[in-house]
Amino acid sequence: AEAPCGVFKGMKSINVIENGNVYLAIECFFEIDNTRVRVEYKIYKNYDYIDVNVDLFMGDVDRIVKLELPISINGNVIGQTAYGTENLFEDAREFVFQRFWLWIREVNVLRF
């Protein structure tokens, strides 16, 4: 993979930033035109969940960014929208959220 440029210049495209007893943290850098994205994955070693943090550096105008995370288990999806917190689509349709979304099933929660 090419080395990142701009705000990520000098860094590798994929980095293991922590590998301890609790979790493995990996960061990845993506870019298209003038927009840059940093995605950090925390994979917990003793638990059945992960954290995904996305930092978006929007350098283009008139562009929409989609985040796709394929999840095959049914659950309740809640997100913050322009009008407060609402239930979002639970099937494969797109939905728009602003600051966060939660995917909740009976036992586990996935939060972005």
PDB file of N, CA and C in Angstrom:
ATOM      1  N   ALA A   1       0.838  -1.187   0.000  1.00  0.00           N
ATOM      2  CA  ALA A   1       0.000   0.000   0.000  1.00  0.00           C
ATOM      3  C   ALA A   1       0.877   1.243   0.000  1.00  0.00           C
ATOM      4  N   GLU A   2       0.350   2.310  -0.587  1.00  0.00           N
ATOM      5  CA  GLU A   2       1.094   3.561  -0.621  1.00  0.00           C
ATOM      6  C   GLU A   2       1.143   4.180   0.767  1.00  0.00           C
ATOM      7  N   ALA A   3       2.227   4.930   1.013  1.00  0.00           N
ATOM      8  CA  ALA A   3       2.347   5.638   2.285  1.00  0.00           C
ATOM      9  C   ALA A   3       1.365   6.808   2.294  1.00  0.00           C
ATOM     10  N   PRO A   4       0.706   7.061   3.412  1.00  0.00           N
ATOM     11  CA  PRO A   4      -0.239   8.176   3.491  1.00  0.00           C
ATOM     12  C   PRO A   4       0.472   9.520   3.304  1.00  0.00           C
ATOM     13  N   CYS A   5      -0.288  10.511   2.862  1.00  0.00           N
ATOM     14  CA  CYS A   5       0.263  11.858   2.714  1.00  0.00           C
ATOM     15  C   CYS A   5      -0.631  12.837   3.472  1.00  0.00           C
ATOM     16  N   GLY A   6      -0.372  14.116   3.316  1.00  0.00           N
ATOM     17  CA  GLY A   6      -1.171  15.134   4.007  1.00  0.00           C
ATOM     18  C   GLY A   6      -0.991  15.042   5.514  1.00  0.00           C
ATOM     19  N   VAL A   7      -2.099  15.036   6.252  1.00  0.00           N
ATOM     20  CA  VAL A   7      -2.027  15.015   7.712  1.00  0.00           C
ATOM     21  C   VAL A   7      -1.428  13.716   8.251  1.00  0.00           C
ATOM     22  N   PHE A   8      -1.371  12.671   7.437  1.00  0.00           N
ATOM     23  CA  PHE A   8      -0.827  11.385   7.872  1.00  0.00           C
ATOM     24  C   PHE A   8       0.556  11.112   7.289  1.00  0.00           C
ATOM     25  N   LYS A   9       1.187  12.120   6.693  1.00  0.00           N
ATOM     26  CA  LYS A   9       2.476  11.936   6.024  1.00  0.00           C
ATOM     27  C   LYS A   9       3.506  11.328   6.975  1.00  0.00           C
ATOM     28  N   GLY A  10       4.265  10.374   6.456  1.00  0.00           N
ATOM     29  CA  GLY A  10       5.302   9.728   7.251  1.00  0.00           C
ATOM     30  C   GLY A  10       4.832   8.518   8.041  1.00  0.00           C
ATOM     31  N   MET A  11       3.539   8.197   8.000  1.00  0.00           N
ATOM     32  CA  MET A  11       3.006   7.057   8.745  1.00  0.00           C
ATOM     33  C   MET A  11       2.761   5.891   7.795  1.00  0.00           C
ATOM     34  N   LYS A  12       2.700   4.698   8.347  1.00  0.00           N
ATOM     35  CA  LYS A  12       2.346   3.521   7.561  1.00  0.00           C
ATOM     36  C   LYS A  12       0.834   3.500   7.348  1.00  0.00           C
ATOM     37  N   SER A  13       0.387   2.804   6.306  1.00  0.00           N
ATOM     38  CA  SER A  13      -1.049   2.723   6.028  1.00  0.00           C
ATOM     39  C   SER A  13      -1.796   1.942   7.107  1.00  0.00           C
ATOM     40  N   ILE A  14      -1.152   0.921   7.641  1.00  0.00           N
ATOM     41  CA  ILE A  14      -1.748   0.100   8.713  1.00  0.00           C
ATOM     42  C   ILE A  14      -0.715  -0.030   9.822  1.00  0.00           C
ATOM     43  N   ASN A  15      -1.128   0.268  11.059  1.00  0.00           N
ATOM     44  CA  ASN A  15      -0.223   0.211  12.202  1.00  0.00           C
ATOM     45  C   ASN A  15      -0.871  -0.542  13.350  1.00  0.00           C
ATOM     46  N   VAL A  16      -0.111  -1.402  13.990  1.00  0.00           N
ATOM     47  CA  VAL A  16      -0.535  -1.974  15.268  1.00  0.00           C
ATOM     48  C   VAL A  16      -0.054  -0.988  16.319  1.00  0.00           C
ATOM     49  N   ILE A  17      -0.986  -0.328  16.989  1.00  0.00           N
ATOM     50  CA  ILE A  17      -0.599   0.707  17.947  1.00  0.00           C
ATOM     51  C   ILE A  17      -0.569   0.206  19.391  1.00  0.00           C
ATOM     52  N   GLU A  18      -1.208  -0.922  19.635  1.00  0.00           N
ATOM     53  CA  GLU A  18      -1.116  -1.526  20.969  1.00  0.00           C
ATOM     54  C   GLU A  18      -1.464  -2.997  20.871  1.00  0.00           C
ATOM     55  N   ASN A  19      -0.701  -3.826  21.560  1.00  0.00           N
ATOM     56  CA  ASN A  19      -0.981  -5.244  21.629  1.00  0.00           C
ATOM     57  C   ASN A  19      -0.688  -5.694  23.052  1.00  0.00           C
ATOM     58  N   GLY A  20      -1.661  -5.479  23.920  1.00  0.00           N
ATOM     59  CA  GLY A  20      -1.473  -5.789  25.329  1.00  0.00           C
ATOM     60  C   GLY A  20      -2.332  -6.955  25.766  1.00  0.00           C
ATOM     61  N   ASN A  21      -2.478  -7.084  27.071  1.00  0.00           N
ATOM     62  CA  ASN A  21      -3.272  -8.173  27.635  1.00  0.00           C
ATOM     63  C   ASN A  21      -4.769  -7.972  27.449  1.00  0.00           C
ATOM     64  N   VAL A  22      -5.210  -6.703  27.325  1.00  0.00           N
ATOM     65  CA  VAL A  22      -6.637  -6.404  27.255  1.00  0.00           C
ATOM     66  C   VAL A  22      -7.141  -6.368  25.816  1.00  0.00           C
ATOM     67  N   TYR A  23      -6.435  -5.674  24.924  1.00  0.00           N
ATOM     68  CA  TYR A  23      -6.903  -5.566  23.548  1.00  0.00           C
ATOM     69  C   TYR A  23      -5.754  -5.363  22.570  1.00  0.00           C
ATOM     70  N   LEU A  24      -6.078  -5.575  21.302  1.00  0.00           N
ATOM     71  CA  LEU A  24      -5.200  -5.291  20.177  1.00  0.00           C
ATOM     72  C   LEU A  24      -5.776  -4.072  19.470  1.00  0.00           C
ATOM     73  N   ALA A  25      -4.984  -3.013  19.306  1.00  0.00           N
ATOM     74  CA  ALA A  25      -5.443  -1.797  18.633  1.00  0.00           C
ATOM     75  C   ALA A  25      -4.707  -1.639  17.311  1.00  0.00           C
ATOM     76  N   ILE A  26      -5.467  -1.430  16.264  1.00  0.00           N
ATOM     77  CA  ILE A  26      -4.925  -1.270  14.915  1.00  0.00           C
ATOM     78  C   ILE A  26      -5.491   0.017  14.343  1.00  0.00           C
ATOM     79  N   GLU A  27      -4.622   0.830  13.702  1.00  0.00           N
ATOM     80  CA  GLU A  27      -5.114   2.012  13.024  1.00  0.00           C
ATOM     81  C   GLU A  27      -4.803   1.911  11.541  1.00  0.00           C
ATOM     82  N   CYS A  28      -5.746   2.384  10.731  1.00  0.00           N
ATOM     83  CA  CYS A  28      -5.615   2.346   9.276  1.00  0.00           C
ATOM     84  C   CYS A  28      -5.909   3.736   8.738  1.00  0.00           C
ATOM     85  N   PHE A  29      -5.200   4.097   7.677  1.00  0.00           N
ATOM     86  CA  PHE A  29      -5.381   5.397   7.045  1.00  0.00           C
ATOM     87  C   PHE A  29      -5.871   5.199   5.620  1.00  0.00           C
ATOM     88  N   PHE A  30      -6.882   5.970   5.243  1.00  0.00           N
ATOM     89  CA  PHE A  30      -7.442   5.923   3.900  1.00  0.00           C
ATOM     90  C   PHE A  30      -7.534   7.339   3.363  1.00  0.00           C
ATOM     91  N   GLU A  31      -7.483   7.464   2.057  1.00  0.00           N
ATOM     92  CA  GLU A  31      -7.627   8.780   1.454  1.00  0.00           C
ATOM     93  C   GLU A  31      -8.222   8.658   0.065  1.00  0.00           C
ATOM     94  N   ILE A  32      -8.953   9.688  -0.304  1.00  0.00           N
ATOM     95  CA  ILE A  32      -9.445   9.848  -1.666  1.00  0.00           C
ATOM     96  C   ILE A  32      -9.495  11.345  -1.931  1.00  0.00           C
ATOM     97  N   ASP A  33      -8.880  11.749  -2.996  1.00  0.00           N
ATOM     98  CA  ASP A  33      -8.760  13.165  -3.339  1.00  0.00           C
ATOM     99  C   ASP A  33      -8.187  13.923  -2.142  1.00  0.00           C
ATOM    100  N   ASN A  34      -8.941  14.867  -1.586  1.00  0.00           N
ATOM    101  CA  ASN A  34      -8.438  15.666  -0.458  1.00  0.00           C
ATOM    102  C   ASN A  34      -9.027  15.258   0.886  1.00  0.00           C
ATOM    103  N   THR A  35      -9.748  14.170   0.931  1.00  0.00           N
ATOM    104  CA  THR A  35     -10.368  13.691   2.169  1.00  0.00           C
ATOM    105  C   THR A  35      -9.535  12.549   2.739  1.00  0.00           C
ATOM    106  N   ARG A  36      -9.305  12.594   4.057  1.00  0.00           N
ATOM    107  CA  ARG A  36      -8.511  11.579   4.754  1.00  0.00           C
ATOM    108  C   ARG A  36      -9.352  10.977   5.881  1.00  0.00           C
ATOM    109  N   VAL A  37      -9.120   9.689   6.135  1.00  0.00           N
ATOM    110  CA  VAL A  37      -9.847   8.990   7.196  1.00  0.00           C
ATOM    111  C   VAL A  37      -8.855   8.159   8.003  1.00  0.00           C
ATOM    112  N   ARG A  38      -8.987   8.223   9.315  1.00  0.00           N
ATOM    113  CA  ARG A  38      -8.235   7.352  10.226  1.00  0.00           C
ATOM    114  C   ARG A  38      -9.252   6.468  10.928  1.00  0.00           C
ATOM    115  N   VAL A  39      -9.071   5.147  10.826  1.00  0.00           N
ATOM    116  CA  VAL A  39      -9.965   4.188  11.487  1.00  0.00           C
ATOM    117  C   VAL A  39      -9.142   3.414  12.501  1.00  0.00           C
ATOM    118  N   GLU A  40      -9.616   3.395  13.735  1.00  0.00           N
ATOM    119  CA  GLU A  40      -8.941   2.638  14.802  1.00  0.00           C
ATOM    120  C   GLU A  40      -9.866   1.512  15.245  1.00  0.00           C
ATOM    121  N   TYR A  41      -9.336   0.308  15.223  1.00  0.00           N
ATOM    122  CA  TYR A  41     -10.058  -0.875  15.680  1.00  0.00           C
ATOM    123  C   TYR A  41      -9.442  -1.336  16.993  1.00  0.00           C
ATOM    124  N   LYS A  42     -10.264  -1.568  18.011  1.00  0.00           N
ATOM    125  CA  LYS A  42      -9.816  -2.186  19.260  1.00  0.00           C
ATOM    126  C   LYS A  42     -10.516  -3.533  19.359  1.00  0.00           C
ATOM    127  N   ILE A  43      -9.727  -4.585  19.328  1.00  0.00           N
ATOM    128  CA  ILE A  43     -10.258  -5.942  19.393  1.00  0.00           C
ATOM    129  C   ILE A  43      -9.919  -6.486  20.776  1.00  0.00           C
ATOM    130  N   TYR A  44     -10.932  -6.644  21.609  1.00  0.00           N
ATOM    131  CA  TYR A  44     -10.713  -7.076  22.988  1.00  0.00           C
ATOM    132  C   TYR A  44     -10.440  -8.566  23.041  1.00  0.00           C
ATOM    133  N   LYS A  45      -9.478  -8.938  23.846  1.00  0.00           N
ATOM    134  CA  LYS A  45      -9.022 -10.322  23.873  1.00  0.00           C
ATOM    135  C   LYS A  45      -9.880 -11.229  24.758  1.00  0.00           C
ATOM    136  N   ASN A  46     -10.486 -10.684  25.798  1.00  0.00           N
ATOM    137  CA  ASN A  46     -11.258 -11.514  26.719  1.00  0.00           C
ATOM    138  C   ASN A  46     -12.757 -11.226  26.671  1.00  0.00           C
ATOM    139  N   TYR A  47     -13.177 -10.413  25.692  1.00  0.00           N
ATOM    140  CA  TYR A  47     -14.582 -10.052  25.574  1.00  0.00           C
ATOM    141  C   TYR A  47     -15.015 -10.253  24.135  1.00  0.00           C
ATOM    142  N   ASP A  48     -16.310 -10.356  23.913  1.00  0.00           N
ATOM    143  CA  ASP A  48     -16.816 -10.599  22.567  1.00  0.00           C
ATOM    144  C   ASP A  48     -17.324  -9.312  21.916  1.00  0.00           C
ATOM    145  N   TYR A  49     -16.533  -8.237  22.009  1.00  0.00           N
ATOM    146  CA  TYR A  49     -16.900  -7.011  21.317  1.00  0.00           C
ATOM    147  C   TYR A  49     -15.665  -6.256  20.853  1.00  0.00           C
ATOM    148  N   ILE A  50     -15.899  -5.303  19.944  1.00  0.00           N
ATOM    149  CA  ILE A  50     -14.830  -4.460  19.417  1.00  0.00           C
ATOM    150  C   ILE A  50     -15.273  -3.002  19.481  1.00  0.00           C
ATOM    151  N   ASP A  51     -14.310  -2.094  19.447  1.00  0.00           N
ATOM    152  CA  ASP A  51     -14.577  -0.669  19.310  1.00  0.00           C
ATOM    153  C   ASP A  51     -14.027  -0.224  17.962  1.00  0.00           C
ATOM    154  N   VAL A  52     -14.768   0.623  17.275  1.00  0.00           N
ATOM    155  CA  VAL A  52     -14.307   1.203  16.017  1.00  0.00           C
ATOM    156  C   VAL A  52     -14.449   2.714  16.144  1.00  0.00           C
ATOM    157  N   ASN A  53     -13.336   3.435  16.045  1.00  0.00           N
ATOM    158  CA  ASN A  53     -13.342   4.902  16.080  1.00  0.00           C
ATOM    159  C   ASN A  53     -12.921   5.407  14.706  1.00  0.00           C
ATOM    160  N   VAL A  54     -13.677   6.354  14.168  1.00  0.00           N
ATOM    161  CA  VAL A  54     -13.403   6.900  12.845  1.00  0.00           C
ATOM    162  C   VAL A  54     -13.177   8.396  12.972  1.00  0.00           C
ATOM    163  N   ASP A  55     -12.008   8.866  12.520  1.00  0.00           N
ATOM    164  CA  ASP A  55     -11.707  10.292  12.446  1.00  0.00           C
ATOM    165  C   ASP A  55     -11.734  10.681  10.977  1.00  0.00           C
ATOM    166  N   LEU A  56     -12.592  11.613  10.630  1.00  0.00           N
ATOM    167  CA  LEU A  56     -12.764  12.038   9.249  1.00  0.00           C
ATOM    168  C   LEU A  56     -12.223  13.452   9.090  1.00  0.00           C
ATOM    169  N   PHE A  57     -11.321  13.636   8.150  1.00  0.00           N
ATOM    170  CA  PHE A  57     -10.762  14.941   7.820  1.00  0.00           C
ATOM    171  C   PHE A  57     -11.272  15.290   6.425  1.00  0.00           C
ATOM    172  N   MET A  58     -12.365  16.030   6.374  1.00  0.00           N
ATOM    173  CA  MET A  58     -13.053  16.320   5.130  1.00  0.00           C
ATOM    174  C   MET A  58     -12.358  17.474   4.421  1.00  0.00           C
ATOM    175  N   GLY A  59     -11.712  17.184   3.313  1.00  0.00           N
ATOM    176  CA  GLY A  59     -11.008  18.201   2.554  1.00  0.00           C
ATOM    177  C   GLY A  59     -11.662  18.515   1.227  1.00  0.00           C
ATOM    178  N   ASP A  60     -12.794  17.894   0.937  1.00  0.00           N
ATOM    179  CA  ASP A  60     -13.496  18.110  -0.319  1.00  0.00           C
ATOM    180  C   ASP A  60     -14.864  18.718  -0.035  1.00  0.00           C
ATOM    181  N   VAL A  61     -15.349  19.507  -0.965  1.00  0.00           N
ATOM    182  CA  VAL A  61     -16.700  20.058  -0.836  1.00  0.00           C
ATOM    183  C   VAL A  61     -17.649  19.209  -1.671  1.00  0.00           C
ATOM    184  N   ASP A  62     -18.914  19.267  -1.327  1.00  0.00           N
ATOM    185  CA  ASP A  62     -19.967  18.531  -2.045  1.00  0.00           C
ATOM    186  C   ASP A  62     -19.679  17.032  -2.115  1.00  0.00           C
ATOM    187  N   ARG A  63     -19.268  16.453  -1.003  1.00  0.00           N
ATOM    188  CA  ARG A  63     -18.972  15.017  -0.946  1.00  0.00           C
ATOM    189  C   ARG A  63     -19.711  14.423   0.249  1.00  0.00           C
ATOM    190  N   ILE A  64     -20.229  13.232   0.060  1.00  0.00           N
ATOM    191  CA  ILE A  64     -20.872  12.482   1.139  1.00  0.00           C
ATOM    192  C   ILE A  64     -19.998  11.272   1.438  1.00  0.00           C
ATOM    193  N   VAL A  65     -19.855  10.949   2.698  1.00  0.00           N
ATOM    194  CA  VAL A  65     -19.032   9.814   3.111  1.00  0.00           C
ATOM    195  C   VAL A  65     -19.961   8.751   3.682  1.00  0.00           C
ATOM    196  N   LYS A  66     -19.778   7.513   3.227  1.00  0.00           N
ATOM    197  CA  LYS A  66     -20.554   6.385   3.744  1.00  0.00           C
ATOM    198  C   LYS A  66     -19.650   5.482   4.561  1.00  0.00           C
ATOM    199  N   LEU A  67     -20.137   5.038   5.685  1.00  0.00           N
ATOM    200  CA  LEU A  67     -19.452   4.063   6.522  1.00  0.00           C
ATOM    201  C   LEU A  67     -20.269   2.779   6.458  1.00  0.00           C
ATOM    202  N   GLU A  68     -19.654   1.706   5.974  1.00  0.00           N
ATOM    203  CA  GLU A  68     -20.362   0.440   5.858  1.00  0.00           C
ATOM    204  C   GLU A  68     -19.717  -0.574   6.785  1.00  0.00           C
ATOM    205  N   LEU A  69     -20.517  -1.103   7.698  1.00  0.00           N
ATOM    206  CA  LEU A  69     -20.069  -2.144   8.617  1.00  0.00           C
ATOM    207  C   LEU A  69     -21.068  -3.288   8.526  1.00  0.00           C
ATOM    208  N   PRO A  70     -20.741  -4.324   7.782  1.00  0.00           N
ATOM    209  CA  PRO A  70     -21.683  -5.433   7.631  1.00  0.00           C
ATOM    210  C   PRO A  70     -21.860  -6.196   8.948  1.00  0.00           C
ATOM    211  N   ILE A  71     -23.070  -6.206   9.447  1.00  0.00           N
ATOM    212  CA  ILE A  71     -23.399  -6.917  10.681  1.00  0.00           C
ATOM    213  C   ILE A  71     -24.555  -7.849  10.356  1.00  0.00           C
ATOM    214  N   SER A  72     -24.378  -9.131  10.587  1.00  0.00           N
ATOM    215  CA  SER A  72     -25.387 -10.096  10.160  1.00  0.00           C
ATOM    216  C   SER A  72     -26.314 -10.550  11.276  1.00  0.00           C
ATOM    217  N   ILE A  73     -26.194  -9.984  12.441  1.00  0.00           N
ATOM    218  CA  ILE A  73     -27.030 -10.401  13.570  1.00  0.00           C
ATOM    219  C   ILE A  73     -28.105  -9.347  13.795  1.00  0.00           C
ATOM    220  N   ASN A  74     -29.338  -9.772  13.985  1.00  0.00           N
ATOM    221  CA  ASN A  74     -30.434  -8.834  14.203  1.00  0.00           C
ATOM    222  C   ASN A  74     -30.284  -8.118  15.534  1.00  0.00           C
ATOM    223  N   GLY A  75     -30.784  -6.908  15.565  1.00  0.00           N
ATOM    224  CA  GLY A  75     -30.751  -6.129  16.790  1.00  0.00           C
ATOM    225  C   GLY A  75     -31.508  -4.833  16.603  1.00  0.00           C
ATOM    226  N   ASN A  76     -31.495  -3.992  17.604  1.00  0.00           N
ATOM    227  CA  ASN A  76     -32.142  -2.696  17.568  1.00  0.00           C
ATOM    228  C   ASN A  76     -31.081  -1.637  17.293  1.00  0.00           C
ATOM    229  N   VAL A  77     -31.318  -0.743  16.326  1.00  0.00           N
ATOM    230  CA  VAL A  77     -30.351   0.275  15.950  1.00  0.00           C
ATOM    231  C   VAL A  77     -30.893   1.642  16.346  1.00  0.00           C
ATOM    232  N   ILE A  78     -30.098   2.388  17.119  1.00  0.00           N
ATOM    233  CA  ILE A  78     -30.470   3.712  17.595  1.00  0.00           C
ATOM    234  C   ILE A  78     -29.363   4.672  17.191  1.00  0.00           C
ATOM    235  N   GLY A  79     -29.721   5.878  16.765  1.00  0.00           N
ATOM    236  CA  GLY A  79     -28.700   6.845  16.382  1.00  0.00           C
ATOM    237  C   GLY A  79     -29.133   8.265  16.659  1.00  0.00           C
ATOM    238  N   GLN A  80     -28.146   9.151  16.749  1.00  0.00           N
ATOM    239  CA  GLN A  80     -28.445  10.565  16.905  1.00  0.00           C
ATOM    240  C   GLN A  80     -28.638  11.156  15.515  1.00  0.00           C
ATOM    241  N   THR A  81     -29.765  11.809  15.302  1.00  0.00           N
ATOM    242  CA  THR A  81     -30.067  12.449  14.032  1.00  0.00           C
ATOM    243  C   THR A  81     -30.207  13.952  14.271  1.00  0.00           C
ATOM    244  N   ALA A  82     -30.608  14.671  13.264  1.00  0.00           N
ATOM    245  CA  ALA A  82     -30.778  16.124  13.398  1.00  0.00           C
ATOM    246  C   ALA A  82     -31.893  16.473  14.383  1.00  0.00           C
ATOM    247  N   TYR A  83     -32.794  15.530  14.640  1.00  0.00           N
ATOM    248  CA  TYR A  83     -33.950  15.804  15.488  1.00  0.00           C
ATOM    249  C   TYR A  83     -33.921  15.042  16.808  1.00  0.00           C
ATOM    250  N   GLY A  84     -32.769  14.604  17.252  1.00  0.00           N
ATOM    251  CA  GLY A  84     -32.653  13.875  18.510  1.00  0.00           C
ATOM    252  C   GLY A  84     -32.234  12.439  18.278  1.00  0.00           C
ATOM    253  N   THR A  85     -32.520  11.588  19.223  1.00  0.00           N
ATOM    254  CA  THR A  85     -32.168  10.174  19.128  1.00  0.00           C
ATOM    255  C   THR A  85     -33.376   9.408  18.609  1.00  0.00           C
ATOM    256  N   GLU A  86     -33.149   8.594  17.574  1.00  0.00           N
ATOM    257  CA  GLU A  86     -34.255   7.864  16.947  1.00  0.00           C
ATOM    258  C   GLU A  86     -33.866   6.423  16.668  1.00  0.00           C
ATOM    259  N   ASN A  87     -34.882   5.567  16.535  1.00  0.00           N
ATOM    260  CA  ASN A  87     -34.653   4.211  16.045  1.00  0.00           C
ATOM    261  C   ASN A  87     -34.368   4.291  14.553  1.00  0.00           C
ATOM    262  N   LEU A  88     -33.360   3.546  14.096  1.00  0.00           N
ATOM    263  CA  LEU A  88     -32.960   3.548  12.693  1.00  0.00           C
ATOM    264  C   LEU A  88     -33.311   2.209  12.067  1.00  0.00           C
ATOM    265  N   PHE A  89     -33.122   2.096  10.750  1.00  0.00           N
ATOM    266  CA  PHE A  89     -33.464   0.865  10.047  1.00  0.00           C
ATOM    267  C   PHE A  89     -32.641  -0.301  10.579  1.00  0.00           C
ATOM    268  N   GLU A  90     -33.281  -1.450  10.699  1.00  0.00           N
ATOM    269  CA  GLU A  90     -32.605  -2.643  11.198  1.00  0.00           C
ATOM    270  C   GLU A  90     -32.268  -3.632  10.085  1.00  0.00           C
ATOM    271  N   ASP A  91     -32.566  -3.275   8.853  1.00  0.00           N
ATOM    272  CA  ASP A  91     -32.241  -4.156   7.738  1.00  0.00           C
ATOM    273  C   ASP A  91     -31.057  -3.566   6.966  1.00  0.00           C
ATOM    274  N   ALA A  92     -30.896  -3.926   5.726  1.00  0.00           N
ATOM    275  CA  ALA A  92     -29.724  -3.509   4.956  1.00  0.00           C
ATOM    276  C   ALA A  92     -29.852  -2.124   4.337  1.00  0.00           C
ATOM    277  N   ARG A  93     -30.913  -1.386   4.650  1.00  0.00           N
ATOM    278  CA  ARG A  93     -31.075  -0.043   4.087  1.00  0.00           C
ATOM    279  C   ARG A  93     -30.099   0.938   4.730  1.00  0.00           C
ATOM    280  N   GLU A  94     -29.780   1.985   3.976  1.00  0.00           N
ATOM    281  CA  GLU A  94     -28.932   3.050   4.509  1.00  0.00           C
ATOM    282  C   GLU A  94     -29.682   3.856   5.542  1.00  0.00           C
ATOM    283  N   PHE A  95     -28.955   4.405   6.500  1.00  0.00           N
ATOM    284  CA  PHE A  95     -29.540   5.378   7.408  1.00  0.00           C
ATOM    285  C   PHE A  95     -28.499   6.448   7.709  1.00  0.00           C
ATOM    286  N   VAL A  96     -28.980   7.597   8.098  1.00  0.00           N
ATOM    287  CA  VAL A  96     -28.107   8.744   8.361  1.00  0.00           C
ATOM    288  C   VAL A  96     -28.080   8.991   9.859  1.00  0.00           C
ATOM    289  N   PHE A  97     -26.883   9.161  10.388  1.00  0.00           N
ATOM    290  CA  PHE A  97     -26.730   9.533  11.790  1.00  0.00           C
ATOM    291  C   PHE A  97     -25.646  10.589  11.869  1.00  0.00           C
ATOM    292  N   GLN A  98     -25.555  11.281  13.021  1.00  0.00           N
ATOM    293  CA  GLN A  98     -24.591  12.369  13.117  1.00  0.00           C
ATOM    294  C   GLN A  98     -23.432  12.048  14.043  1.00  0.00           C
ATOM    295  N   ARG A  99     -23.657  11.934  15.314  1.00  0.00           N
ATOM    296  CA  ARG A  99     -22.544  11.752  16.237  1.00  0.00           C
ATOM    297  C   ARG A  99     -22.319  10.299  16.619  1.00  0.00           C
ATOM    298  N   PHE A 100     -23.357   9.500  16.699  1.00  0.00           N
ATOM    299  CA  PHE A 100     -23.185   8.110  17.127  1.00  0.00           C
ATOM    300  C   PHE A 100     -24.334   7.263  16.618  1.00  0.00           C
ATOM    301  N   TRP A 101     -24.089   5.955  16.607  1.00  0.00           N
ATOM    302  CA  TRP A 101     -25.179   4.996  16.494  1.00  0.00           C
ATOM    303  C   TRP A 101     -24.860   3.805  17.374  1.00  0.00           C
ATOM    304  N   LEU A 102     -25.906   3.179  17.878  1.00  0.00           N
ATOM    305  CA  LEU A 102     -25.789   1.992  18.730  1.00  0.00           C
ATOM    306  C   LEU A 102     -26.512   0.841  18.059  1.00  0.00           C
ATOM    307  N   TRP A 103     -25.877  -0.307  18.076  1.00  0.00           N
ATOM    308  CA  TRP A 103     -26.521  -1.536  17.629  1.00  0.00           C
ATOM    309  C   TRP A 103     -26.663  -2.391  18.874  1.00  0.00           C
ATOM    310  N   ILE A 104     -27.896  -2.666  19.260  1.00  0.00           N
ATOM    311  CA  ILE A 104     -28.162  -3.359  20.527  1.00  0.00           C
ATOM    312  C   ILE A 104     -28.886  -4.670  20.231  1.00  0.00           C
ATOM    313  N   ARG A 105     -28.375  -5.728  20.786  1.00  0.00           N
ATOM    314  CA  ARG A 105     -29.127  -6.982  20.786  1.00  0.00           C
ATOM    315  C   ARG A 105     -29.302  -7.364  22.241  1.00  0.00           C
ATOM    316  N   GLU A 106     -29.833  -8.513  22.515  1.00  0.00           N
ATOM    317  CA  GLU A 106     -30.193  -8.873  23.890  1.00  0.00           C
ATOM    318  C   GLU A 106     -29.021  -8.776  24.852  1.00  0.00           C
ATOM    319  N   VAL A 107     -27.824  -9.134  24.414  1.00  0.00           N
ATOM    320  CA  VAL A 107     -26.687  -9.210  25.330  1.00  0.00           C
ATOM    321  C   VAL A 107     -25.659  -8.109  25.093  1.00  0.00           C
ATOM    322  N   ASN A 108     -25.343  -7.806  23.835  1.00  0.00           N
ATOM    323  CA  ASN A 108     -24.210  -6.944  23.511  1.00  0.00           C
ATOM    324  C   ASN A 108     -24.644  -5.625  22.882  1.00  0.00           C
ATOM    325  N   VAL A 109     -23.766  -4.631  22.981  1.00  0.00           N
ATOM    326  CA  VAL A 109     -23.987  -3.330  22.375  1.00  0.00           C
ATOM    327  C   VAL A 109     -22.774  -3.007  21.511  1.00  0.00           C
ATOM    328  N   LEU A 110     -23.013  -2.492  20.304  1.00  0.00           N
ATOM    329  CA  LEU A 110     -21.954  -2.023  19.411  1.00  0.00           C
ATOM    330  C   LEU A 110     -22.201  -0.534  19.221  1.00  0.00           C
ATOM    331  N   ARG A 111     -21.230   0.306  19.564  1.00  0.00           N
ATOM    332  CA  ARG A 111     -21.444   1.753  19.552  1.00  0.00           C
ATOM    333  C   ARG A 111     -20.430   2.430  18.654  1.00  0.00           C
ATOM    334  N   PHE A 112     -20.893   3.407  17.862  1.00  0.00           N
ATOM    335  CA  PHE A 112     -20.027   4.207  17.005  1.00  0.00           C
ATOM    336  C   PHE A 112     -20.334   5.671  17.212  1.00  0.00           C
TER     337      PHE A 112
END
